Amino acid sequence: IGCDYDTFPCPVPGLPKSLSMGNIKDNTIKEIWNGEK
């Protein structure tokens, strides 16, 4: 979970927003974890 609240599928720091699985301002973490993206 990044500082801008985007979520990413790995621990590598500095990932671009294009790899975000979703932002927790838009969906819950559980929804993102089980989400289609």
PDB file of all heavy atoms in Angstrom:
ATOM      1  N   ILE A   1       0.869  -1.178   0.000  1.00  0.00           N
ATOM      2  CA  ILE A   1       0.000   0.000   0.000  1.00  0.00           C
ATOM      3  C   ILE A   1       0.904   1.225   0.000  1.00  0.00           C
ATOM      4  O   ILE A   1       1.638   1.480   0.953  1.00  0.00           O
ATOM      5  CB  ILE A   1      -0.938   0.017   1.219  1.00  0.00           C
ATOM      6  CG1 ILE A   1      -1.768  -1.273   1.247  1.00  0.00           C
ATOM      7  CG2 ILE A   1      -1.845   1.242   1.183  1.00  0.00           C
ATOM      8  CD1 ILE A   1      -2.614  -1.428   2.496  1.00  0.00           C
ATOM      9  N   GLY A   2       0.856   1.977  -1.095  1.00  0.00           N
ATOM     10  CA  GLY A   2       1.742   3.107  -1.260  1.00  0.00           C
ATOM     11  C   GLY A   2       1.270   4.359  -0.538  1.00  0.00           C
ATOM     12  O   GLY A   2       0.140   4.433  -0.034  1.00  0.00           O
ATOM     13  N   CYS A   3       2.139   5.337  -0.520  1.00  0.00           N
ATOM     14  CA  CYS A   3       1.876   6.596   0.177  1.00  0.00           C
ATOM     15  C   CYS A   3       0.703   7.358  -0.444  1.00  0.00           C
ATOM     16  O   CYS A   3       0.081   8.188   0.214  1.00  0.00           O
ATOM     17  CB  CYS A   3       3.146   7.450   0.135  1.00  0.00           C
ATOM     18  SG  CYS A   3       3.425   8.414   1.626  1.00  0.00           S
ATOM     19  N   ASP A   4       0.408   7.071  -1.711  1.00  0.00           N
ATOM     20  CA  ASP A   4      -0.728   7.689  -2.397  1.00  0.00           C
ATOM     21  C   ASP A   4      -1.946   6.780  -2.383  1.00  0.00           C
ATOM     22  O   ASP A   4      -2.919   7.031  -3.095  1.00  0.00           O
ATOM     23  CB  ASP A   4      -0.352   8.033  -3.841  1.00  0.00           C
ATOM     24  CG  ASP A   4       0.728   9.095  -3.917  1.00  0.00           C
ATOM     25  OD1 ASP A   4       0.660  10.064  -3.139  1.00  0.00           O
ATOM     26  OD2 ASP A   4       1.650   8.946  -4.752  1.00  0.00           O
ATOM     27  N   TYR A   5      -1.863   5.667  -1.611  1.00  0.00           N
ATOM     28  CA  TYR A   5      -2.971   4.740  -1.378  1.00  0.00           C
ATOM     29  C   TYR A   5      -3.255   3.812  -2.553  1.00  0.00           C
ATOM     30  O   TYR A   5      -4.278   3.131  -2.564  1.00  0.00           O
ATOM     31  CB  TYR A   5      -4.238   5.501  -0.942  1.00  0.00           C
ATOM     32  CG  TYR A   5      -3.906   6.570   0.070  1.00  0.00           C
ATOM     33  CD1 TYR A   5      -4.042   7.917  -0.235  1.00  0.00           C
ATOM     34  CD2 TYR A   5      -3.384   6.228   1.318  1.00  0.00           C
ATOM     35  CE1 TYR A   5      -3.687   8.894   0.675  1.00  0.00           C
ATOM     36  CE2 TYR A   5      -3.031   7.199   2.241  1.00  0.00           C
ATOM     37  CZ  TYR A   5      -3.174   8.532   1.905  1.00  0.00           C
ATOM     38  OH  TYR A   5      -2.804   9.499   2.808  1.00  0.00           O
ATOM     39  N   ASP A   6      -2.349   3.780  -3.526  1.00  0.00           N
ATOM     40  CA  ASP A   6      -2.422   2.749  -4.551  1.00  0.00           C
ATOM     41  C   ASP A   6      -1.906   1.440  -3.958  1.00  0.00           C
ATOM     42  O   ASP A   6      -1.072   1.443  -3.045  1.00  0.00           O
ATOM     43  CB  ASP A   6      -1.599   3.137  -5.776  1.00  0.00           C
ATOM     44  CG  ASP A   6      -2.296   4.170  -6.646  1.00  0.00           C
ATOM     45  OD1 ASP A   6      -3.429   3.893  -7.081  1.00  0.00           O
ATOM     46  OD2 ASP A   6      -1.729   5.251  -6.865  1.00  0.00           O
ATOM     47  N   THR A   7      -2.385   0.331  -4.500  1.00  0.00           N
ATOM     48  CA  THR A   7      -1.964  -0.978  -4.017  1.00  0.00           C
ATOM     49  C   THR A   7      -1.226  -1.715  -5.125  1.00  0.00           C
ATOM     50  O   THR A   7      -1.600  -1.634  -6.296  1.00  0.00           O
ATOM     51  CB  THR A   7      -3.175  -1.819  -3.572  1.00  0.00           C
ATOM     52  OG1 THR A   7      -4.060  -1.995  -4.685  1.00  0.00           O
ATOM     53  CG2 THR A   7      -3.916  -1.147  -2.428  1.00  0.00           C
ATOM     54  N   PHE A   8      -0.182  -2.446  -4.734  1.00  0.00           N
ATOM     55  CA  PHE A   8       0.674  -3.127  -5.704  1.00  0.00           C
ATOM     56  C   PHE A   8       0.879  -4.583  -5.290  1.00  0.00           C
ATOM     57  O   PHE A   8       0.855  -4.903  -4.102  1.00  0.00           O
ATOM     58  CB  PHE A   8       2.016  -2.409  -5.816  1.00  0.00           C
ATOM     59  CG  PHE A   8       1.900  -0.970  -6.221  1.00  0.00           C
ATOM     60  CD1 PHE A   8       1.914   0.043  -5.260  1.00  0.00           C
ATOM     61  CD2 PHE A   8       1.763  -0.615  -7.552  1.00  0.00           C
ATOM     62  CE1 PHE A   8       1.796   1.371  -5.628  1.00  0.00           C
ATOM     63  CE2 PHE A   8       1.652   0.716  -7.936  1.00  0.00           C
ATOM     64  CZ  PHE A   8       1.655   1.709  -6.971  1.00  0.00           C
ATOM     65  N   PRO A   9       1.106  -5.464  -6.270  1.00  0.00           N
ATOM     66  CA  PRO A   9       1.185  -6.894  -5.982  1.00  0.00           C
ATOM     67  C   PRO A   9       2.565  -7.397  -5.585  1.00  0.00           C
ATOM     68  O   PRO A   9       2.823  -8.605  -5.661  1.00  0.00           O
ATOM     69  CB  PRO A   9       0.743  -7.521  -7.312  1.00  0.00           C
ATOM     70  CG  PRO A   9       1.256  -6.563  -8.342  1.00  0.00           C
ATOM     71  CD  PRO A   9       1.121  -5.194  -7.722  1.00  0.00           C
ATOM     72  N   CYS A  10       3.452  -6.511  -5.160  1.00  0.00           N
ATOM     73  CA  CYS A  10       4.793  -6.947  -4.764  1.00  0.00           C
ATOM     74  C   CYS A  10       5.440  -5.868  -3.901  1.00  0.00           C
ATOM     75  O   CYS A  10       4.918  -4.754  -3.794  1.00  0.00           O
ATOM     76  CB  CYS A  10       5.647  -7.264  -5.988  1.00  0.00           C
ATOM     77  SG  CYS A  10       6.249  -5.814  -6.869  1.00  0.00           S
ATOM     78  N   PRO A  11       6.584  -6.171  -3.265  1.00  0.00           N
ATOM     79  CA  PRO A  11       7.193  -5.232  -2.324  1.00  0.00           C
ATOM     80  C   PRO A  11       8.172  -4.239  -2.940  1.00  0.00           C
ATOM     81  O   PRO A  11       8.750  -3.426  -2.214  1.00  0.00           O
ATOM     82  CB  PRO A  11       7.942  -6.163  -1.363  1.00  0.00           C
ATOM     83  CG  PRO A  11       8.365  -7.303  -2.236  1.00  0.00           C
ATOM     84  CD  PRO A  11       7.239  -7.502  -3.226  1.00  0.00           C
ATOM     85  N   VAL A  12       8.374  -4.272  -4.251  1.00  0.00           N
ATOM     86  CA  VAL A  12       9.357  -3.385  -4.868  1.00  0.00           C
ATOM     87  C   VAL A  12       8.959  -1.925  -4.644  1.00  0.00           C
ATOM     88  O   VAL A  12       7.837  -1.535  -4.975  1.00  0.00           O
ATOM     89  CB  VAL A  12       9.483  -3.665  -6.372  1.00  0.00           C
ATOM     90  CG1 VAL A  12      10.402  -2.642  -7.040  1.00  0.00           C
ATOM     91  CG2 VAL A  12      10.013  -5.079  -6.605  1.00  0.00           C
ATOM     92  N   PRO A  13       9.842  -1.095  -4.089  1.00  0.00           N
ATOM     93  CA  PRO A  13       9.491   0.309  -3.873  1.00  0.00           C
ATOM     94  C   PRO A  13       9.561   1.111  -5.172  1.00  0.00           C
ATOM     95  O   PRO A  13      10.274   0.749  -6.103  1.00  0.00           O
ATOM     96  CB  PRO A  13      10.561   0.784  -2.883  1.00  0.00           C
ATOM     97  CG  PRO A  13      11.740  -0.090  -3.159  1.00  0.00           C
ATOM     98  CD  PRO A  13      11.179  -1.428  -3.559  1.00  0.00           C
ATOM     99  N   GLY A  14       8.800   2.186  -5.213  1.00  0.00           N
ATOM    100  CA  GLY A  14       8.870   3.086  -6.361  1.00  0.00           C
ATOM    101  C   GLY A  14       8.156   2.584  -7.596  1.00  0.00           C
ATOM    102  O   GLY A  14       8.514   2.958  -8.714  1.00  0.00           O
ATOM    103  N   LEU A  15       7.136   1.749  -7.413  1.00  0.00           N
ATOM    104  CA  LEU A  15       6.408   1.235  -8.566  1.00  0.00           C
ATOM    105  C   LEU A  15       5.512   2.316  -9.166  1.00  0.00           C
ATOM    106  O   LEU A  15       4.931   3.133  -8.444  1.00  0.00           O
ATOM    107  CB  LEU A  15       5.559   0.029  -8.166  1.00  0.00           C
ATOM    108  CG  LEU A  15       6.337  -1.245  -7.844  1.00  0.00           C
ATOM    109  CD1 LEU A  15       5.433  -2.274  -7.187  1.00  0.00           C
ATOM    110  CD2 LEU A  15       6.980  -1.817  -9.102  1.00  0.00           C
ATOM    111  N   PRO A  16       5.372   2.335 -10.483  1.00  0.00           N
ATOM    112  CA  PRO A  16       4.515   3.337 -11.124  1.00  0.00           C
ATOM    113  C   PRO A  16       3.038   3.030 -10.927  1.00  0.00           C
ATOM    114  O   PRO A  16       2.653   1.870 -10.714  1.00  0.00           O
ATOM    115  CB  PRO A  16       4.901   3.233 -12.603  1.00  0.00           C
ATOM    116  CG  PRO A  16       5.371   1.828 -12.773  1.00  0.00           C
ATOM    117  CD  PRO A  16       6.032   1.466 -11.468  1.00  0.00           C
ATOM    118  N   LYS A  17       2.217   4.049 -11.008  1.00  0.00           N
ATOM    119  CA  LYS A  17       0.787   3.897 -10.804  1.00  0.00           C
ATOM    120  C   LYS A  17       0.163   2.910 -11.788  1.00  0.00           C
ATOM    121  O   LYS A  17      -0.866   2.292 -11.503  1.00  0.00           O
ATOM    122  CB  LYS A  17       0.122   5.265 -10.935  1.00  0.00           C
ATOM    123  CG  LYS A  17      -1.343   5.311 -10.523  1.00  0.00           C
ATOM    124  CD  LYS A  17      -1.892   6.718 -10.638  1.00  0.00           C
ATOM    125  CE  LYS A  17      -3.364   6.761 -10.245  1.00  0.00           C
ATOM    126  NZ  LYS A  17      -3.567   6.480  -8.810  1.00  0.00           N
ATOM    127  N   SER A  18       0.802   2.738 -12.934  1.00  0.00           N
ATOM    128  CA  SER A  18       0.261   1.839 -13.954  1.00  0.00           C
ATOM    129  C   SER A  18       0.163   0.392 -13.487  1.00  0.00           C
ATOM    130  O   SER A  18      -0.578  -0.402 -14.061  1.00  0.00           O
ATOM    131  CB  SER A  18       1.108   1.914 -15.229  1.00  0.00           C
ATOM    132  OG  SER A  18       2.477   1.658 -14.940  1.00  0.00           O
ATOM    133  N   LEU A  19       0.923   0.022 -12.434  1.00  0.00           N
ATOM    134  CA  LEU A  19       0.854  -1.342 -11.912  1.00  0.00           C
ATOM    135  C   LEU A  19      -0.096  -1.448 -10.723  1.00  0.00           C
ATOM    136  O   LEU A  19      -0.264  -2.517 -10.149  1.00  0.00           O
ATOM    137  CB  LEU A  19       2.249  -1.833 -11.509  1.00  0.00           C
ATOM    138  CG  LEU A  19       2.396  -3.334 -11.221  1.00  0.00           C
ATOM    139  CD1 LEU A  19       2.058  -4.175 -12.445  1.00  0.00           C
ATOM    140  CD2 LEU A  19       3.797  -3.664 -10.722  1.00  0.00           C
ATOM    141  N   SER A  20      -0.755  -0.363 -10.366  1.00  0.00           N
ATOM    142  CA  SER A  20      -1.666  -0.382  -9.223  1.00  0.00           C
ATOM    143  C   SER A  20      -2.833  -1.322  -9.474  1.00  0.00           C
ATOM    144  O   SER A  20      -3.422  -1.342 -10.558  1.00  0.00           O
ATOM    145  CB  SER A  20      -2.190   1.031  -8.945  1.00  0.00           C
ATOM    146  OG  SER A  20      -3.199   1.013  -7.947  1.00  0.00           O
ATOM    147  N   MET A  21      -3.163  -2.098  -8.454  1.00  0.00           N
ATOM    148  CA  MET A  21      -4.323  -2.980  -8.512  1.00  0.00           C
ATOM    149  C   MET A  21      -5.600  -2.256  -8.102  1.00  0.00           C
ATOM    150  O   MET A  21      -6.700  -2.806  -8.209  1.00  0.00           O
ATOM    151  CB  MET A  21      -4.116  -4.189  -7.594  1.00  0.00           C
ATOM    152  CG  MET A  21      -2.919  -5.059  -7.932  1.00  0.00           C
ATOM    153  SD  MET A  21      -3.073  -5.957  -9.507  1.00  0.00           S
ATOM    154  CE  MET A  21      -2.053  -4.945 -10.594  1.00  0.00           C
ATOM    155  N   GLY A  22      -5.465  -1.028  -7.629  1.00  0.00           N
ATOM    156  CA  GLY A  22      -6.609  -0.236  -7.200  1.00  0.00           C
ATOM    157  C   GLY A  22      -6.196   0.709  -6.093  1.00  0.00           C
ATOM    158  O   GLY A  22      -5.172   0.507  -5.425  1.00  0.00           O
ATOM    159  N   ASN A  23      -6.979   1.753  -5.877  1.00  0.00           N
ATOM    160  CA  ASN A  23      -6.693   2.742  -4.842  1.00  0.00           C
ATOM    161  C   ASN A  23      -7.728   2.617  -3.736  1.00  0.00           C
ATOM    162  O   ASN A  23      -8.928   2.493  -4.008  1.00  0.00           O
ATOM    163  CB  ASN A  23      -6.722   4.147  -5.446  1.00  0.00           C
ATOM    164  CG  ASN A  23      -6.151   5.201  -4.507  1.00  0.00           C
ATOM    165  OD1 ASN A  23      -6.728   5.500  -3.470  1.00  0.00           O
ATOM    166  ND2 ASN A  23      -4.999   5.748  -4.881  1.00  0.00           N
ATOM    167  N   ILE A  24      -7.244   2.632  -2.495  1.00  0.00           N
ATOM    168  CA  ILE A  24      -8.168   2.391  -1.378  1.00  0.00           C
ATOM    169  C   ILE A  24      -9.105   3.571  -1.134  1.00  0.00           C
ATOM    170  O   ILE A  24     -10.020   3.467  -0.304  1.00  0.00           O
ATOM    171  CB  ILE A  24      -7.410   2.032  -0.087  1.00  0.00           C
ATOM    172  CG1 ILE A  24      -6.512   3.180   0.363  1.00  0.00           C
ATOM    173  CG2 ILE A  24      -6.616   0.762  -0.262  1.00  0.00           C
ATOM    174  CD1 ILE A  24      -5.885   2.924   1.721  1.00  0.00           C
ATOM    175  N   LYS A  25      -8.918   4.662  -1.848  1.00  0.00           N
ATOM    176  CA  LYS A  25      -9.911   5.733  -1.805  1.00  0.00           C
ATOM    177  C   LYS A  25     -11.135   5.383  -2.640  1.00  0.00           C
ATOM    178  O   LYS A  25     -12.207   5.984  -2.468  1.00  0.00           O
ATOM    179  CB  LYS A  25      -9.293   7.044  -2.295  1.00  0.00           C
ATOM    180  CG  LYS A  25      -8.281   7.663  -1.335  1.00  0.00           C
ATOM    181  CD  LYS A  25      -7.815   9.010  -1.834  1.00  0.00           C
ATOM    182  CE  LYS A  25      -6.886   9.679  -0.821  1.00  0.00           C
ATOM    183  NZ  LYS A  25      -6.428  11.019  -1.278  1.00  0.00           N
ATOM    184  N   ASP A  26     -10.960   4.421  -3.533  1.00  0.00           N
ATOM    185  CA  ASP A  26     -12.053   4.016  -4.430  1.00  0.00           C
ATOM    186  C   ASP A  26     -12.673   2.685  -4.042  1.00  0.00           C
ATOM    187  O   ASP A  26     -13.870   2.465  -4.243  1.00  0.00           O
ATOM    188  CB  ASP A  26     -11.544   3.934  -5.877  1.00  0.00           C
ATOM    189  CG  ASP A  26     -10.929   5.232  -6.362  1.00  0.00           C
ATOM    190  OD1 ASP A  26     -11.495   6.295  -6.053  1.00  0.00           O
ATOM    191  OD2 ASP A  26      -9.876   5.170  -7.032  1.00  0.00           O
ATOM    192  N   ASN A  27     -11.850   1.774  -3.519  1.00  0.00           N
ATOM    193  CA  ASN A  27     -12.328   0.444  -3.119  1.00  0.00           C
ATOM    194  C   ASN A  27     -11.639   0.031  -1.834  1.00  0.00           C
ATOM    195  O   ASN A  27     -10.547   0.506  -1.514  1.00  0.00           O
ATOM    196  CB  ASN A  27     -12.027  -0.593  -4.203  1.00  0.00           C
ATOM    197  CG  ASN A  27     -12.715  -0.289  -5.520  1.00  0.00           C
ATOM    198  OD1 ASN A  27     -12.110   0.289  -6.425  1.00  0.00           O
ATOM    199  ND2 ASN A  27     -13.983  -0.668  -5.639  1.00  0.00           N
ATOM    200  N   THR A  28     -12.267  -0.871  -1.099  1.00  0.00           N
ATOM    201  CA  THR A  28     -11.627  -1.369   0.111  1.00  0.00           C
ATOM    202  C   THR A  28     -10.469  -2.304  -0.266  1.00  0.00           C
ATOM    203  O   THR A  28     -10.399  -2.811  -1.389  1.00  0.00           O
ATOM    204  CB  THR A  28     -12.618  -2.151   0.996  1.00  0.00           C
ATOM    205  OG1 THR A  28     -12.991  -3.367   0.327  1.00  0.00           O
ATOM    206  CG2 THR A  28     -13.860  -1.322   1.289  1.00  0.00           C
ATOM    207  N   ILE A  29      -9.581  -2.533   0.694  1.00  0.00           N
ATOM    208  CA  ILE A  29      -8.437  -3.409   0.440  1.00  0.00           C
ATOM    209  C   ILE A  29      -8.909  -4.822   0.100  1.00  0.00           C
ATOM    210  O   ILE A  29      -8.363  -5.472  -0.801  1.00  0.00           O
ATOM    211  CB  ILE A  29      -7.496  -3.419   1.660  1.00  0.00           C
ATOM    212  CG1 ILE A  29      -6.954  -2.009   1.913  1.00  0.00           C
ATOM    213  CG2 ILE A  29      -6.343  -4.396   1.457  1.00  0.00           C
ATOM    214  CD1 ILE A  29      -6.186  -1.862   3.212  1.00  0.00           C
ATOM    215  N   LYS A  30      -9.928  -5.289   0.794  1.00  0.00           N
ATOM    216  CA  LYS A  30     -10.450  -6.632   0.522  1.00  0.00           C
ATOM    217  C   LYS A  30     -11.047  -6.709  -0.876  1.00  0.00           C
ATOM    218  O   LYS A  30     -10.866  -7.710  -1.588  1.00  0.00           O
ATOM    219  CB  LYS A  30     -11.486  -7.016   1.570  1.00  0.00           C
ATOM    220  CG  LYS A  30     -11.932  -8.468   1.490  1.00  0.00           C
ATOM    221  CD  LYS A  30     -12.878  -8.811   2.632  1.00  0.00           C
ATOM    222  CE  LYS A  30     -13.297 -10.274   2.558  1.00  0.00           C
ATOM    223  NZ  LYS A  30     -14.224 -10.630   3.682  1.00  0.00           N
ATOM    224  N   GLU A  31     -11.747  -5.663  -1.305  1.00  0.00           N
ATOM    225  CA  GLU A  31     -12.303  -5.631  -2.658  1.00  0.00           C
ATOM    226  C   GLU A  31     -11.189  -5.658  -3.700  1.00  0.00           C
ATOM    227  O   GLU A  31     -11.304  -6.335  -4.725  1.00  0.00           O
ATOM    228  CB  GLU A  31     -13.170  -4.383  -2.841  1.00  0.00           C
ATOM    229  CG  GLU A  31     -14.499  -4.436  -2.092  1.00  0.00           C
ATOM    230  CD  GLU A  31     -15.253  -3.116  -2.126  1.00  0.00           C
ATOM    231  OE1 GLU A  31     -14.620  -2.066  -2.442  1.00  0.00           O
ATOM    232  OE2 GLU A  31     -16.460  -3.114  -1.822  1.00  0.00           O
ATOM    233  N   ILE A  32     -10.117  -4.926  -3.436  1.00  0.00           N
ATOM    234  CA  ILE A  32      -8.988  -4.910  -4.366  1.00  0.00           C
ATOM    235  C   ILE A  32      -8.322  -6.280  -4.418  1.00  0.00           C
ATOM    236  O   ILE A  32      -7.990  -6.787  -5.496  1.00  0.00           O
ATOM    237  CB  ILE A  32      -7.982  -3.814  -3.964  1.00  0.00           C
ATOM    238  CG1 ILE A  32      -8.604  -2.427  -4.160  1.00  0.00           C
ATOM    239  CG2 ILE A  32      -6.686  -3.940  -4.756  1.00  0.00           C
ATOM    240  CD1 ILE A  32      -7.805  -1.293  -3.555  1.00  0.00           C
ATOM    241  N   TRP A  33      -8.131  -6.905  -3.256  1.00  0.00           N
ATOM    242  CA  TRP A  33      -7.485  -8.221  -3.185  1.00  0.00           C
ATOM    243  C   TRP A  33      -8.257  -9.263  -3.988  1.00  0.00           C
ATOM    244  O   TRP A  33      -7.656 -10.108  -4.661  1.00  0.00           O
ATOM    245  CB  TRP A  33      -7.355  -8.651  -1.729  1.00  0.00           C
ATOM    246  CG  TRP A  33      -6.706  -9.985  -1.526  1.00  0.00           C
ATOM    247  CD1 TRP A  33      -7.320 -11.165  -1.227  1.00  0.00           C
ATOM    248  CD2 TRP A  33      -5.311 -10.280  -1.625  1.00  0.00           C
ATOM    249  NE1 TRP A  33      -6.395 -12.184  -1.113  1.00  0.00           N
ATOM    250  CE2 TRP A  33      -5.146 -11.662  -1.360  1.00  0.00           C
ATOM    251  CE3 TRP A  33      -4.179  -9.514  -1.892  1.00  0.00           C
ATOM    252  CZ2 TRP A  33      -3.906 -12.288  -1.365  1.00  0.00           C
ATOM    253  CZ3 TRP A  33      -2.932 -10.131  -1.902  1.00  0.00           C
ATOM    254  CH2 TRP A  33      -2.807 -11.500  -1.642  1.00  0.00           C
ATOM    255  N   ASN A  34      -9.562  -9.195  -3.922  1.00  0.00           N
ATOM    256  CA  ASN A  34     -10.402 -10.164  -4.630  1.00  0.00           C
ATOM    257  C   ASN A  34     -10.909  -9.632  -5.972  1.00  0.00           C
ATOM    258  O   ASN A  34     -11.700 -10.313  -6.642  1.00  0.00           O
ATOM    259  CB  ASN A  34     -11.607 -10.541  -3.757  1.00  0.00           C
ATOM    260  CG  ASN A  34     -11.200 -11.275  -2.485  1.00  0.00           C
ATOM    261  OD1 ASN A  34     -10.379 -12.183  -2.530  1.00  0.00           O
ATOM    262  ND2 ASN A  34     -11.768 -10.874  -1.359  1.00  0.00           N
ATOM    263  N   GLY A  35     -10.447  -8.445  -6.364  1.00  0.00           N
ATOM    264  CA  GLY A  35     -10.987  -7.780  -7.531  1.00  0.00           C
ATOM    265  C   GLY A  35     -10.499  -8.339  -8.859  1.00  0.00           C
ATOM    266  O   GLY A  35      -9.501  -9.065  -8.940  1.00  0.00           O
ATOM    267  N   GLU A  36     -11.191  -7.933  -9.917  1.00  0.00           N
ATOM    268  CA  GLU A  36     -10.898  -8.447 -11.248  1.00  0.00           C
ATOM    269  C   GLU A  36      -9.528  -7.996 -11.747  1.00  0.00           C
ATOM    270  O   GLU A  36      -8.844  -8.767 -12.437  1.00  0.00           O
ATOM    271  CB  GLU A  36     -11.989  -8.016 -12.229  1.00  0.00           C
ATOM    272  CG  GLU A  36     -11.761  -8.450 -13.665  1.00  0.00           C
ATOM    273  CD  GLU A  36     -11.594  -9.957 -13.822  1.00  0.00           C
ATOM    274  OE1 GLU A  36     -12.128 -10.728 -12.981  1.00  0.00           O
ATOM    275  OE2 GLU A  36     -10.924 -10.382 -14.792  1.00  0.00           O
ATOM    276  N   LYS A  37      -9.106  -6.780 -11.434  1.00  0.00           N
ATOM    277  CA  LYS A  37      -7.820  -6.316 -11.950  1.00  0.00           C
ATOM    278  C   LYS A  37      -6.679  -7.166 -11.405  1.00  0.00           C
ATOM    279  O   LYS A  37      -5.759  -7.542 -12.146  1.00  0.00           O
ATOM    280  CB  LYS A  37      -7.594  -4.847 -11.613  1.00  0.00           C
ATOM    281  CG  LYS A  37      -6.351  -4.274 -12.278  1.00  0.00           C
ATOM    282  CD  LYS A  37      -6.292  -2.762 -12.186  1.00  0.00           C
ATOM    283  CE  LYS A  37      -5.082  -2.236 -12.969  1.00  0.00           C
ATOM    284  NZ  LYS A  37      -4.999  -0.745 -12.915  1.00  0.00           N
TER     285      LYS A  37
END
